[in-house]
Amino acid sequence: APAAAPQAAPQTAPTATAQPAPAAPQQSVDVGAVLSEMASMKDGGGNYQSSIVDLLKLLDLDSSLTARKELAAELNVHAAADGSAEQNIALHKAVMQKLADNGGIVPDSLRN
């Protein structure tokens, strides 16, 4: 009888720990509303709707060319020369797409 009790406990415990607890349903975030609210607290946020530099500044992130190069590499964005308008626009679109891919509600006005 003493041997049966220890066997019962390990069988129950692994079942509980082997299956991760169900994740809470991922709540969608209205990216447009959040950015708009942040911009209202920061003198309008510049042109964050289309400028990757202004978007990064709005989010208190490094907007230097080096930081944008790293972000472009991470997101695999190679539209043009680093720091060029074309590359910056492509990088902004890629960031918005990544937010949407991760459950963010991104209005079309921020994707184009």
PDB file of N, CA and C in Angstrom:
ATOM      1  N   ALA A   1       0.824  -1.210   0.000  1.00  0.00           N
ATOM      2  CA  ALA A   1       0.000   0.000   0.000  1.00  0.00           C
ATOM      3  C   ALA A   1       0.858   1.260   0.000  1.00  0.00           C
ATOM      4  N   PRO A   2       1.958   1.343   0.774  1.00  0.00           N
ATOM      5  CA  PRO A   2       2.771   2.568   0.745  1.00  0.00           C
ATOM      6  C   PRO A   2       3.359   2.831  -0.643  1.00  0.00           C
ATOM      7  N   ALA A   3       3.649   1.803  -1.405  1.00  0.00           N
ATOM      8  CA  ALA A   3       4.223   2.009  -2.737  1.00  0.00           C
ATOM      9  C   ALA A   3       3.184   2.578  -3.700  1.00  0.00           C
ATOM     10  N   ALA A   4       1.928   2.271  -3.497  1.00  0.00           N
ATOM     11  CA  ALA A   4       0.881   2.742  -4.404  1.00  0.00           C
ATOM     12  C   ALA A   4       0.664   4.242  -4.282  1.00  0.00           C
ATOM     13  N   ALA A   5       0.754   4.778  -3.084  1.00  0.00           N
ATOM     14  CA  ALA A   5       0.523   6.215  -2.885  1.00  0.00           C
ATOM     15  C   ALA A   5       1.556   7.060  -3.624  1.00  0.00           C
ATOM     16  N   PRO A   6       2.860   6.786  -3.519  1.00  0.00           N
ATOM     17  CA  PRO A   6       3.828   7.605  -4.255  1.00  0.00           C
ATOM     18  C   PRO A   6       3.629   7.511  -5.769  1.00  0.00           C
ATOM     19  N   GLN A   7       3.189   6.360  -6.269  1.00  0.00           N
ATOM     20  CA  GLN A   7       2.982   6.234  -7.710  1.00  0.00           C
ATOM     21  C   GLN A   7       1.799   7.090  -8.163  1.00  0.00           C
ATOM     22  N   ALA A   8       0.797   7.197  -7.338  1.00  0.00           N
ATOM     23  CA  ALA A   8      -0.386   7.965  -7.714  1.00  0.00           C
ATOM     24  C   ALA A   8      -0.056   9.450  -7.824  1.00  0.00           C
ATOM     25  N   ALA A   9       0.723   9.968  -6.898  1.00  0.00           N
ATOM     26  CA  ALA A   9       1.037  11.395  -6.905  1.00  0.00           C
ATOM     27  C   ALA A   9       1.840  11.799  -8.142  1.00  0.00           C
ATOM     28  N   PRO A  10       2.922  11.089  -8.495  1.00  0.00           N
ATOM     29  CA  PRO A  10       3.665  11.498  -9.688  1.00  0.00           C
ATOM     30  C   PRO A  10       2.833  11.432 -10.962  1.00  0.00           C
ATOM     31  N   GLN A  11       1.895  10.490 -11.046  1.00  0.00           N
ATOM     32  CA  GLN A  11       1.077  10.405 -12.252  1.00  0.00           C
ATOM     33  C   GLN A  11       0.177  11.631 -12.371  1.00  0.00           C
ATOM     34  N   THR A  12      -0.277  12.150 -11.269  1.00  0.00           N
ATOM     35  CA  THR A  12      -1.152  13.315 -11.288  1.00  0.00           C
ATOM     36  C   THR A  12      -0.353  14.584 -11.570  1.00  0.00           C
ATOM     37  N   ALA A  13       0.791  14.734 -10.905  1.00  0.00           N
ATOM     38  CA  ALA A  13       1.580  15.958 -11.036  1.00  0.00           C
ATOM     39  C   ALA A  13       2.057  16.206 -12.470  1.00  0.00           C
ATOM     40  N   PRO A  14       2.669  15.218 -13.147  1.00  0.00           N
ATOM     41  CA  PRO A  14       3.127  15.505 -14.512  1.00  0.00           C
ATOM     42  C   PRO A  14       1.992  15.913 -15.441  1.00  0.00           C
ATOM     43  N   THR A  15       0.823  15.344 -15.256  1.00  0.00           N
ATOM     44  CA  THR A  15      -0.301  15.711 -16.108  1.00  0.00           C
ATOM     45  C   THR A  15      -0.617  17.191 -15.928  1.00  0.00           C
ATOM     46  N   ALA A  16      -0.539  17.660 -14.693  1.00  0.00           N
ATOM     47  CA  ALA A  16      -0.856  19.062 -14.422  1.00  0.00           C
ATOM     48  C   ALA A  16       0.238  19.979 -14.959  1.00  0.00           C
ATOM     49  N   THR A  17       1.503  19.565 -14.835  1.00  0.00           N
ATOM     50  CA  THR A  17       2.588  20.452 -15.248  1.00  0.00           C
ATOM     51  C   THR A  17       2.973  20.278 -16.715  1.00  0.00           C
ATOM     52  N   ALA A  18       2.741  19.112 -17.291  1.00  0.00           N
ATOM     53  CA  ALA A  18       3.132  18.879 -18.681  1.00  0.00           C
ATOM     54  C   ALA A  18       2.300  19.734 -19.636  1.00  0.00           C
ATOM     55  N   GLN A  19       1.063  19.989 -19.278  1.00  0.00           N
ATOM     56  CA  GLN A  19       0.217  20.822 -20.126  1.00  0.00           C
ATOM     57  C   GLN A  19       0.261  22.248 -19.583  1.00  0.00           C
ATOM     58  N   PRO A  20       0.807  23.177 -20.368  1.00  0.00           N
ATOM     59  CA  PRO A  20       0.838  24.560 -19.863  1.00  0.00           C
ATOM     60  C   PRO A  20      -0.580  25.071 -19.643  1.00  0.00           C
ATOM     61  N   ALA A  21      -0.701  25.911 -18.664  1.00  0.00           N
ATOM     62  CA  ALA A  21      -2.018  26.490 -18.382  1.00  0.00           C
ATOM     63  C   ALA A  21      -2.501  27.193 -19.640  1.00  0.00           C
ATOM     64  N   PRO A  22      -3.775  27.079 -19.957  1.00  0.00           N
ATOM     65  CA  PRO A  22      -4.256  27.747 -21.168  1.00  0.00           C
ATOM     66  C   PRO A  22      -4.000  29.247 -21.063  1.00  0.00           C
ATOM     67  N   ALA A  23      -3.414  29.790 -22.102  1.00  0.00           N
ATOM     68  CA  ALA A  23      -3.121  31.221 -22.098  1.00  0.00           C
ATOM     69  C   ALA A  23      -4.434  31.991 -22.132  1.00  0.00           C
ATOM     70  N   ALA A  24      -4.432  33.085 -21.443  1.00  0.00           N
ATOM     71  CA  ALA A  24      -5.617  33.944 -21.489  1.00  0.00           C
ATOM     72  C   ALA A  24      -5.787  34.386 -22.934  1.00  0.00           C
ATOM     73  N   PRO A  25      -7.005  34.509 -23.398  1.00  0.00           N
ATOM     74  CA  PRO A  25      -7.191  34.937 -24.784  1.00  0.00           C
ATOM     75  C   PRO A  25      -6.440  36.243 -25.013  1.00  0.00           C
ATOM     76  N   GLN A  26      -5.648  36.260 -26.081  1.00  0.00           N
ATOM     77  CA  GLN A  26      -4.862  37.454 -26.367  1.00  0.00           C
ATOM     78  C   GLN A  26      -5.804  38.597 -26.704  1.00  0.00           C
ATOM     79  N   GLN A  27      -5.671  39.671 -25.963  1.00  0.00           N
ATOM     80  CA  GLN A  27      -6.526  40.813 -26.231  1.00  0.00           C
ATOM     81  C   GLN A  27      -5.907  41.641 -27.340  1.00  0.00           C
ATOM     82  N   SER A  28      -6.723  42.034 -28.280  1.00  0.00           N
ATOM     83  CA  SER A  28      -6.246  42.887 -29.349  1.00  0.00           C
ATOM     84  C   SER A  28      -6.054  44.289 -28.808  1.00  0.00           C
ATOM     85  N   VAL A  29      -5.015  44.932 -29.293  1.00  0.00           N
ATOM     86  CA  VAL A  29      -4.722  46.301 -28.890  1.00  0.00           C
ATOM     87  C   VAL A  29      -4.988  47.201 -30.087  1.00  0.00           C
ATOM     88  N   ASP A  30      -5.726  48.263 -29.863  1.00  0.00           N
ATOM     89  CA  ASP A  30      -5.989  49.236 -30.919  1.00  0.00           C
ATOM     90  C   ASP A  30      -4.760  50.130 -31.031  1.00  0.00           C
ATOM     91  N   VAL A  31      -3.854  49.751 -31.918  1.00  0.00           N
ATOM     92  CA  VAL A  31      -2.578  50.444 -32.058  1.00  0.00           C
ATOM     93  C   VAL A  31      -2.794  51.915 -32.401  1.00  0.00           C
ATOM     94  N   GLY A  32      -3.735  52.183 -33.293  1.00  0.00           N
ATOM     95  CA  GLY A  32      -4.008  53.567 -33.675  1.00  0.00           C
ATOM     96  C   GLY A  32      -4.414  54.416 -32.491  1.00  0.00           C
ATOM     97  N   ALA A  33      -5.306  53.882 -31.655  1.00  0.00           N
ATOM     98  CA  ALA A  33      -5.784  54.632 -30.488  1.00  0.00           C
ATOM     99  C   ALA A  33      -4.671  54.833 -29.466  1.00  0.00           C
ATOM    100  N   VAL A  34      -3.870  53.804 -29.241  1.00  0.00           N
ATOM    101  CA  VAL A  34      -2.776  53.910 -28.267  1.00  0.00           C
ATOM    102  C   VAL A  34      -1.761  54.952 -28.722  1.00  0.00           C
ATOM    103  N   LEU A  35      -1.372  54.894 -29.996  1.00  0.00           N
ATOM    104  CA  LEU A  35      -0.395  55.860 -30.500  1.00  0.00           C
ATOM    105  C   LEU A  35      -0.958  57.274 -30.481  1.00  0.00           C
ATOM    106  N   SER A  36      -2.229  57.410 -30.827  1.00  0.00           N
ATOM    107  CA  SER A  36      -2.867  58.723 -30.811  1.00  0.00           C
ATOM    108  C   SER A  36      -2.874  59.309 -29.406  1.00  0.00           C
ATOM    109  N   GLU A  37      -3.185  58.468 -28.424  1.00  0.00           N
ATOM    110  CA  GLU A  37      -3.193  58.911 -27.031  1.00  0.00           C
ATOM    111  C   GLU A  37      -1.791  59.316 -26.590  1.00  0.00           C
ATOM    112  N   MET A  38      -0.796  58.520 -26.960  1.00  0.00           N
ATOM    113  CA  MET A  38       0.585  58.856 -26.611  1.00  0.00           C
ATOM    114  C   MET A  38       0.993  60.170 -27.268  1.00  0.00           C
ATOM    115  N   ALA A  39       0.604  60.344 -28.533  1.00  0.00           N
ATOM    116  CA  ALA A  39       0.958  61.560 -29.264  1.00  0.00           C
ATOM    117  C   ALA A  39       0.325  62.789 -28.624  1.00  0.00           C
ATOM    118  N   SER A  40      -0.901  62.633 -28.121  1.00  0.00           N
ATOM    119  CA  SER A  40      -1.579  63.774 -27.493  1.00  0.00           C
ATOM    120  C   SER A  40      -0.848  64.222 -26.234  1.00  0.00           C
ATOM    121  N   MET A  41      -0.085  63.323 -25.629  1.00  0.00           N
ATOM    122  CA  MET A  41       0.677  63.670 -24.429  1.00  0.00           C
ATOM    123  C   MET A  41       2.082  64.158 -24.768  1.00  0.00           C
ATOM    124  N   LYS A  42       2.442  64.107 -26.050  1.00  0.00           N
ATOM    125  CA  LYS A  42       3.798  64.490 -26.459  1.00  0.00           C
ATOM    126  C   LYS A  42       3.755  65.475 -27.621  1.00  0.00           C
ATOM    127  N   ASP A  43       3.030  66.531 -27.482  1.00  0.00           N
ATOM    128  CA  ASP A  43       2.979  67.578 -28.504  1.00  0.00           C
ATOM    129  C   ASP A  43       2.658  67.052 -29.897  1.00  0.00           C
ATOM    130  N   GLY A  44       1.788  66.061 -29.982  1.00  0.00           N
ATOM    131  CA  GLY A  44       1.342  65.562 -31.274  1.00  0.00           C
ATOM    132  C   GLY A  44       2.138  64.405 -31.838  1.00  0.00           C
ATOM    133  N   GLY A  45       3.323  64.159 -31.318  1.00  0.00           N
ATOM    134  CA  GLY A  45       4.105  63.001 -31.756  1.00  0.00           C
ATOM    135  C   GLY A  45       4.726  63.121 -33.128  1.00  0.00           C
ATOM    136  N   GLY A  46       4.794  64.343 -33.664  1.00  0.00           N
ATOM    137  CA  GLY A  46       5.382  64.499 -34.991  1.00  0.00           C
ATOM    138  C   GLY A  46       4.552  63.777 -36.031  1.00  0.00           C
ATOM    139  N   ASN A  47       5.216  63.191 -36.998  1.00  0.00           N
ATOM    140  CA  ASN A  47       4.536  62.490 -38.090  1.00  0.00           C
ATOM    141  C   ASN A  47       4.664  60.980 -37.893  1.00  0.00           C
ATOM    142  N   TYR A  48       4.315  60.503 -36.697  1.00  0.00           N
ATOM    143  CA  TYR A  48       4.482  59.084 -36.362  1.00  0.00           C
ATOM    144  C   TYR A  48       3.672  58.159 -37.269  1.00  0.00           C
ATOM    145  N   GLN A  49       2.621  58.693 -37.911  1.00  0.00           N
ATOM    146  CA  GLN A  49       1.770  57.858 -38.764  1.00  0.00           C
ATOM    147  C   GLN A  49       2.518  57.315 -39.972  1.00  0.00           C
ATOM    148  N   SER A  50       3.566  58.006 -40.411  1.00  0.00           N
ATOM    149  CA  SER A  50       4.309  57.527 -41.580  1.00  0.00           C
ATOM    150  C   SER A  50       5.824  57.573 -41.405  1.00  0.00           C
ATOM    151  N   SER A  51       6.304  58.219 -40.355  1.00  0.00           N
ATOM    152  CA  SER A  51       7.745  58.348 -40.143  1.00  0.00           C
ATOM    153  C   SER A  51       8.227  57.370 -39.079  1.00  0.00           C
ATOM    154  N   ILE A  52       9.146  56.484 -39.460  1.00  0.00           N
ATOM    155  CA  ILE A  52       9.691  55.534 -38.492  1.00  0.00           C
ATOM    156  C   ILE A  52      10.464  56.272 -37.404  1.00  0.00           C
ATOM    157  N   VAL A  53      11.146  57.361 -37.764  1.00  0.00           N
ATOM    158  CA  VAL A  53      11.904  58.125 -36.770  1.00  0.00           C
ATOM    159  C   VAL A  53      10.948  58.719 -35.737  1.00  0.00           C
ATOM    160  N   ASP A  54       9.875  59.353 -36.198  1.00  0.00           N
ATOM    161  CA  ASP A  54       8.911  59.941 -35.260  1.00  0.00           C
ATOM    162  C   ASP A  54       8.196  58.868 -34.451  1.00  0.00           C
ATOM    163  N   LEU A  55       7.911  57.720 -35.069  1.00  0.00           N
ATOM    164  CA  LEU A  55       7.269  56.621 -34.346  1.00  0.00           C
ATOM    165  C   LEU A  55       8.172  56.129 -33.218  1.00  0.00           C
ATOM    166  N   LEU A  56       9.440  55.920 -33.521  1.00  0.00           N
ATOM    167  CA  LEU A  56      10.376  55.453 -32.492  1.00  0.00           C
ATOM    168  C   LEU A  56      10.525  56.484 -31.377  1.00  0.00           C
ATOM    169  N   LYS A  57      10.593  57.761 -31.748  1.00  0.00           N
ATOM    170  CA  LYS A  57      10.684  58.819 -30.729  1.00  0.00           C
ATOM    171  C   LYS A  57       9.433  58.835 -29.858  1.00  0.00           C
ATOM    172  N   LEU A  58       8.266  58.676 -30.477  1.00  0.00           N
ATOM    173  CA  LEU A  58       7.007  58.652 -29.732  1.00  0.00           C
ATOM    174  C   LEU A  58       7.019  57.534 -28.696  1.00  0.00           C
ATOM    175  N   LEU A  59       7.636  56.409 -29.060  1.00  0.00           N
ATOM    176  CA  LEU A  59       7.693  55.248 -28.173  1.00  0.00           C
ATOM    177  C   LEU A  59       8.901  55.292 -27.235  1.00  0.00           C
ATOM    178  N   ASP A  60       9.614  56.421 -27.243  1.00  0.00           N
ATOM    179  CA  ASP A  60      10.824  56.577 -26.420  1.00  0.00           C
ATOM    180  C   ASP A  60      11.865  55.507 -26.735  1.00  0.00           C
ATOM    181  N   LEU A  61      11.987  55.179 -28.021  1.00  0.00           N
ATOM    182  CA  LEU A  61      12.985  54.213 -28.474  1.00  0.00           C
ATOM    183  C   LEU A  61      14.061  54.942 -29.270  1.00  0.00           C
ATOM    184  N   ASP A  62      15.218  54.331 -29.361  1.00  0.00           N
ATOM    185  CA  ASP A  62      16.337  54.895 -30.110  1.00  0.00           C
ATOM    186  C   ASP A  62      15.956  54.991 -31.587  1.00  0.00           C
ATOM    187  N   SER A  63      16.042  56.198 -32.142  1.00  0.00           N
ATOM    188  CA  SER A  63      15.675  56.392 -33.547  1.00  0.00           C
ATOM    189  C   SER A  63      16.902  56.660 -34.414  1.00  0.00           C
ATOM    190  N   SER A  64      18.093  56.437 -33.863  1.00  0.00           N
ATOM    191  CA  SER A  64      19.322  56.689 -34.612  1.00  0.00           C
ATOM    192  C   SER A  64      19.407  55.774 -35.831  1.00  0.00           C
ATOM    193  N   LEU A  65      20.276  56.140 -36.759  1.00  0.00           N
ATOM    194  CA  LEU A  65      20.471  55.320 -37.953  1.00  0.00           C
ATOM    195  C   LEU A  65      20.913  53.913 -37.563  1.00  0.00           C
ATOM    196  N   THR A  66      21.792  53.813 -36.580  1.00  0.00           N
ATOM    197  CA  THR A  66      22.259  52.497 -36.128  1.00  0.00           C
ATOM    198  C   THR A  66      21.094  51.652 -35.622  1.00  0.00           C
ATOM    199  N   ALA A  67      20.221  52.259 -34.821  1.00  0.00           N
ATOM    200  CA  ALA A  67      19.067  51.530 -34.284  1.00  0.00           C
ATOM    201  C   ALA A  67      18.129  51.104 -35.408  1.00  0.00           C
ATOM    202  N   ARG A  68      17.944  51.980 -36.394  1.00  0.00           N
ATOM    203  CA  ARG A  68      17.067  51.635 -37.517  1.00  0.00           C
ATOM    204  C   ARG A  68      17.682  50.541 -38.385  1.00  0.00           C
ATOM    205  N   LYS A  69      19.004  50.540 -38.511  1.00  0.00           N
ATOM    206  CA  LYS A  69      19.680  49.458 -39.248  1.00  0.00           C
ATOM    207  C   LYS A  69      19.430  48.125 -38.550  1.00  0.00           C
ATOM    208  N   GLU A  70      19.549  48.128 -37.219  1.00  0.00           N
ATOM    209  CA  GLU A  70      19.329  46.899 -36.449  1.00  0.00           C
ATOM    210  C   GLU A  70      17.879  46.427 -36.577  1.00  0.00           C
ATOM    211  N   LEU A  71      16.945  47.371 -36.505  1.00  0.00           N
ATOM    212  CA  LEU A  71      15.530  47.032 -36.639  1.00  0.00           C
ATOM    213  C   LEU A  71      15.250  46.470 -38.034  1.00  0.00           C
ATOM    214  N   ALA A  72      15.840  47.098 -39.045  1.00  0.00           N
ATOM    215  CA  ALA A  72      15.655  46.628 -40.421  1.00  0.00           C
ATOM    216  C   ALA A  72      16.197  45.210 -40.583  1.00  0.00           C
ATOM    217  N   ALA A  73      17.341  44.940 -39.976  1.00  0.00           N
ATOM    218  CA  ALA A  73      17.915  43.590 -40.062  1.00  0.00           C
ATOM    219  C   ALA A  73      17.004  42.584 -39.371  1.00  0.00           C
ATOM    220  N   GLU A  74      16.483  42.969 -38.201  1.00  0.00           N
ATOM    221  CA  GLU A  74      15.602  42.069 -37.443  1.00  0.00           C
ATOM    222  C   GLU A  74      14.320  41.760 -38.212  1.00  0.00           C
ATOM    223  N   LEU A  75      13.786  42.768 -38.906  1.00  0.00           N
ATOM    224  CA  LEU A  75      12.528  42.596 -39.642  1.00  0.00           C
ATOM    225  C   LEU A  75      12.763  42.214 -41.105  1.00  0.00           C
ATOM    226  N   ASN A  76      14.037  42.050 -41.479  1.00  0.00           N
ATOM    227  CA  ASN A  76      14.405  41.678 -42.842  1.00  0.00           C
ATOM    228  C   ASN A  76      13.871  42.682 -43.868  1.00  0.00           C
ATOM    229  N   VAL A  77      14.101  43.962 -43.597  1.00  0.00           N
ATOM    230  CA  VAL A  77      13.676  45.035 -44.494  1.00  0.00           C
ATOM    231  C   VAL A  77      14.918  45.587 -45.186  1.00  0.00           C
ATOM    232  N   HIS A  78      14.967  45.406 -46.494  1.00  0.00           N
ATOM    233  CA  HIS A  78      16.108  45.881 -47.281  1.00  0.00           C
ATOM    234  C   HIS A  78      15.580  46.533 -48.555  1.00  0.00           C
ATOM    235  N   ALA A  79      14.787  47.586 -48.403  1.00  0.00           N
ATOM    236  CA  ALA A  79      14.138  48.227 -49.544  1.00  0.00           C
ATOM    237  C   ALA A  79      15.081  49.162 -50.291  1.00  0.00           C
ATOM    238  N   ALA A  80      16.030  49.758 -49.573  1.00  0.00           N
ATOM    239  CA  ALA A  80      16.942  50.729 -50.177  1.00  0.00           C
ATOM    240  C   ALA A  80      18.089  50.960 -49.195  1.00  0.00           C
ATOM    241  N   ALA A  81      18.892  51.960 -49.475  1.00  0.00           N
ATOM    242  CA  ALA A  81      20.026  52.265 -48.600  1.00  0.00           C
ATOM    243  C   ALA A  81      19.526  52.621 -47.200  1.00  0.00           C
ATOM    244  N   ASP A  82      20.291  52.190 -46.193  1.00  0.00           N
ATOM    245  CA  ASP A  82      19.931  52.518 -44.813  1.00  0.00           C
ATOM    246  C   ASP A  82      19.805  54.024 -44.657  1.00  0.00           C
ATOM    247  N   GLY A  83      18.737  54.445 -44.002  1.00  0.00           N
ATOM    248  CA  GLY A  83      18.518  55.861 -43.750  1.00  0.00           C
ATOM    249  C   GLY A  83      17.803  56.589 -44.873  1.00  0.00           C
ATOM    250  N   SER A  84      17.641  55.947 -46.022  1.00  0.00           N
ATOM    251  CA  SER A  84      16.948  56.604 -47.135  1.00  0.00           C
ATOM    252  C   SER A  84      15.454  56.676 -46.830  1.00  0.00           C
ATOM    253  N   ALA A  85      14.787  57.597 -47.511  1.00  0.00           N
ATOM    254  CA  ALA A  85      13.342  57.737 -47.311  1.00  0.00           C
ATOM    255  C   ALA A  85      12.635  56.426 -47.640  1.00  0.00           C
ATOM    256  N   GLU A  86      13.051  55.779 -48.731  1.00  0.00           N
ATOM    257  CA  GLU A  86      12.407  54.529 -49.148  1.00  0.00           C
ATOM    258  C   GLU A  86      12.570  53.441 -48.078  1.00  0.00           C
ATOM    259  N   GLN A  87      13.779  53.332 -47.525  1.00  0.00           N
ATOM    260  CA  GLN A  87      14.029  52.331 -46.483  1.00  0.00           C
ATOM    261  C   GLN A  87      13.225  52.660 -45.227  1.00  0.00           C
ATOM    262  N   ASN A  88      13.188  53.934 -44.848  1.00  0.00           N
ATOM    263  CA  ASN A  88      12.447  54.327 -43.643  1.00  0.00           C
ATOM    264  C   ASN A  88      10.954  54.056 -43.791  1.00  0.00           C
ATOM    265  N   ILE A  89      10.406  54.314 -44.962  1.00  0.00           N
ATOM    266  CA  ILE A  89       8.982  54.044 -45.210  1.00  0.00           C
ATOM    267  C   ILE A  89       8.717  52.542 -45.132  1.00  0.00           C
ATOM    268  N   ALA A  90       9.596  51.756 -45.758  1.00  0.00           N
ATOM    269  CA  ALA A  90       9.436  50.299 -45.726  1.00  0.00           C
ATOM    270  C   ALA A  90       9.548  49.775 -44.295  1.00  0.00           C
ATOM    271  N   LEU A  91      10.438  50.363 -43.516  1.00  0.00           N
ATOM    272  CA  LEU A  91      10.622  49.944 -42.128  1.00  0.00           C
ATOM    273  C   LEU A  91       9.379  50.268 -41.300  1.00  0.00           C
ATOM    274  N   HIS A  92       8.792  51.438 -41.520  1.00  0.00           N
ATOM    275  CA  HIS A  92       7.561  51.820 -40.814  1.00  0.00           C
ATOM    276  C   HIS A  92       6.452  50.818 -41.144  1.00  0.00           C
ATOM    277  N   LYS A  93       6.306  50.489 -42.430  1.00  0.00           N
ATOM    278  CA  LYS A  93       5.274  49.523 -42.843  1.00  0.00           C
ATOM    279  C   LYS A  93       5.515  48.164 -42.198  1.00  0.00           C
ATOM    280  N   ALA A  94       6.781  47.751 -42.138  1.00  0.00           N
ATOM    281  CA  ALA A  94       7.116  46.447 -41.557  1.00  0.00           C
ATOM    282  C   ALA A  94       6.793  46.408 -40.065  1.00  0.00           C
ATOM    283  N   VAL A  95       7.053  47.509 -39.367  1.00  0.00           N
ATOM    284  CA  VAL A  95       6.736  47.573 -37.932  1.00  0.00           C
ATOM    285  C   VAL A  95       5.224  47.467 -37.736  1.00  0.00           C
ATOM    286  N   MET A  96       4.465  48.191 -38.537  1.00  0.00           N
ATOM    287  CA  MET A  96       3.003  48.144 -38.419  1.00  0.00           C
ATOM    288  C   MET A  96       2.476  46.746 -38.751  1.00  0.00           C
ATOM    289  N   GLN A  97       3.069  46.099 -39.752  1.00  0.00           N
ATOM    290  CA  GLN A  97       2.653  44.743 -40.113  1.00  0.00           C
ATOM    291  C   GLN A  97       2.966  43.780 -38.977  1.00  0.00           C
ATOM    292  N   LYS A  98       4.121  43.952 -38.341  1.00  0.00           N
ATOM    293  CA  LYS A  98       4.509  43.078 -37.229  1.00  0.00           C
ATOM    294  C   LYS A  98       3.532  43.256 -36.067  1.00  0.00           C
ATOM    295  N   LEU A  99       3.119  44.486 -35.808  1.00  0.00           N
ATOM    296  CA  LEU A  99       2.123  44.731 -34.757  1.00  0.00           C
ATOM    297  C   LEU A  99       0.813  44.023 -35.099  1.00  0.00           C
ATOM    298  N   ALA A 100       0.404  44.112 -36.360  1.00  0.00           N
ATOM    299  CA  ALA A 100      -0.834  43.450 -36.789  1.00  0.00           C
ATOM    300  C   ALA A 100      -0.695  41.931 -36.684  1.00  0.00           C
ATOM    301  N   ASP A 101       0.474  41.412 -37.074  1.00  0.00           N
ATOM    302  CA  ASP A 101       0.709  39.962 -37.005  1.00  0.00           C
ATOM    303  C   ASP A 101       0.618  39.449 -35.576  1.00  0.00           C
ATOM    304  N   ASN A 102       0.909  40.324 -34.623  1.00  0.00           N
ATOM    305  CA  ASN A 102       0.899  39.931 -33.215  1.00  0.00           C
ATOM    306  C   ASN A 102      -0.386  40.341 -32.504  1.00  0.00           C
ATOM    307  N   GLY A 103      -1.450  40.548 -33.268  1.00  0.00           N
ATOM    308  CA  GLY A 103      -2.755  40.791 -32.671  1.00  0.00           C
ATOM    309  C   GLY A 103      -3.149  42.245 -32.539  1.00  0.00           C
ATOM    310  N   GLY A 104      -2.283  43.145 -32.966  1.00  0.00           N
ATOM    311  CA  GLY A 104      -2.622  44.564 -32.884  1.00  0.00           C
ATOM    312  C   GLY A 104      -3.627  44.945 -33.955  1.00  0.00           C
ATOM    313  N   ILE A 105      -4.505  45.858 -33.612  1.00  0.00           N
ATOM    314  CA  ILE A 105      -5.457  46.395 -34.586  1.00  0.00           C
ATOM    315  C   ILE A 105      -4.803  47.647 -35.158  1.00  0.00           C
ATOM    316  N   VAL A 106      -4.326  47.536 -36.393  1.00  0.00           N
ATOM    317  CA  VAL A 106      -3.591  48.627 -37.022  1.00  0.00           C
ATOM    318  C   VAL A 106      -4.449  49.205 -38.138  1.00  0.00           C
ATOM    319  N   PRO A 107      -4.867  50.466 -38.002  1.00  0.00           N
ATOM    320  CA  PRO A 107      -5.700  51.066 -39.051  1.00  0.00           C
ATOM    321  C   PRO A 107      -4.927  51.195 -40.364  1.00  0.00           C
ATOM    322  N   ASP A 108      -5.652  51.157 -41.464  1.00  0.00           N
ATOM    323  CA  ASP A 108      -5.025  51.283 -42.782  1.00  0.00           C
ATOM    324  C   ASP A 108      -4.188  52.549 -42.886  1.00  0.00           C
ATOM    325  N   SER A 109      -4.609  53.606 -42.204  1.00  0.00           N
ATOM    326  CA  SER A 109      -3.878  54.871 -42.276  1.00  0.00           C
ATOM    327  C   SER A 109      -2.452  54.740 -41.748  1.00  0.00           C
ATOM    328  N   LEU A 110      -2.198  53.753 -40.904  1.00  0.00           N
ATOM    329  CA  LEU A 110      -0.847  53.544 -40.389  1.00  0.00           C
ATOM    330  C   LEU A 110      -0.079  52.499 -41.196  1.00  0.00           C
ATOM    331  N   ARG A 111      -0.765  51.807 -42.084  1.00  0.00           N
ATOM    332  CA  ARG A 111      -0.106  50.760 -42.873  1.00  0.00           C
ATOM    333  C   ARG A 111       0.385  51.273 -44.214  1.00  0.00           C
ATOM    334  N   ASN A 112      -0.151  52.395 -44.679  1.00  0.00           N
ATOM    335  CA  ASN A 112       0.182  52.877 -46.022  1.00  0.00           C
ATOM    336  C   ASN A 112       1.104  54.071 -45.976  1.00  0.00           C
TER     337      ASN A 112
END
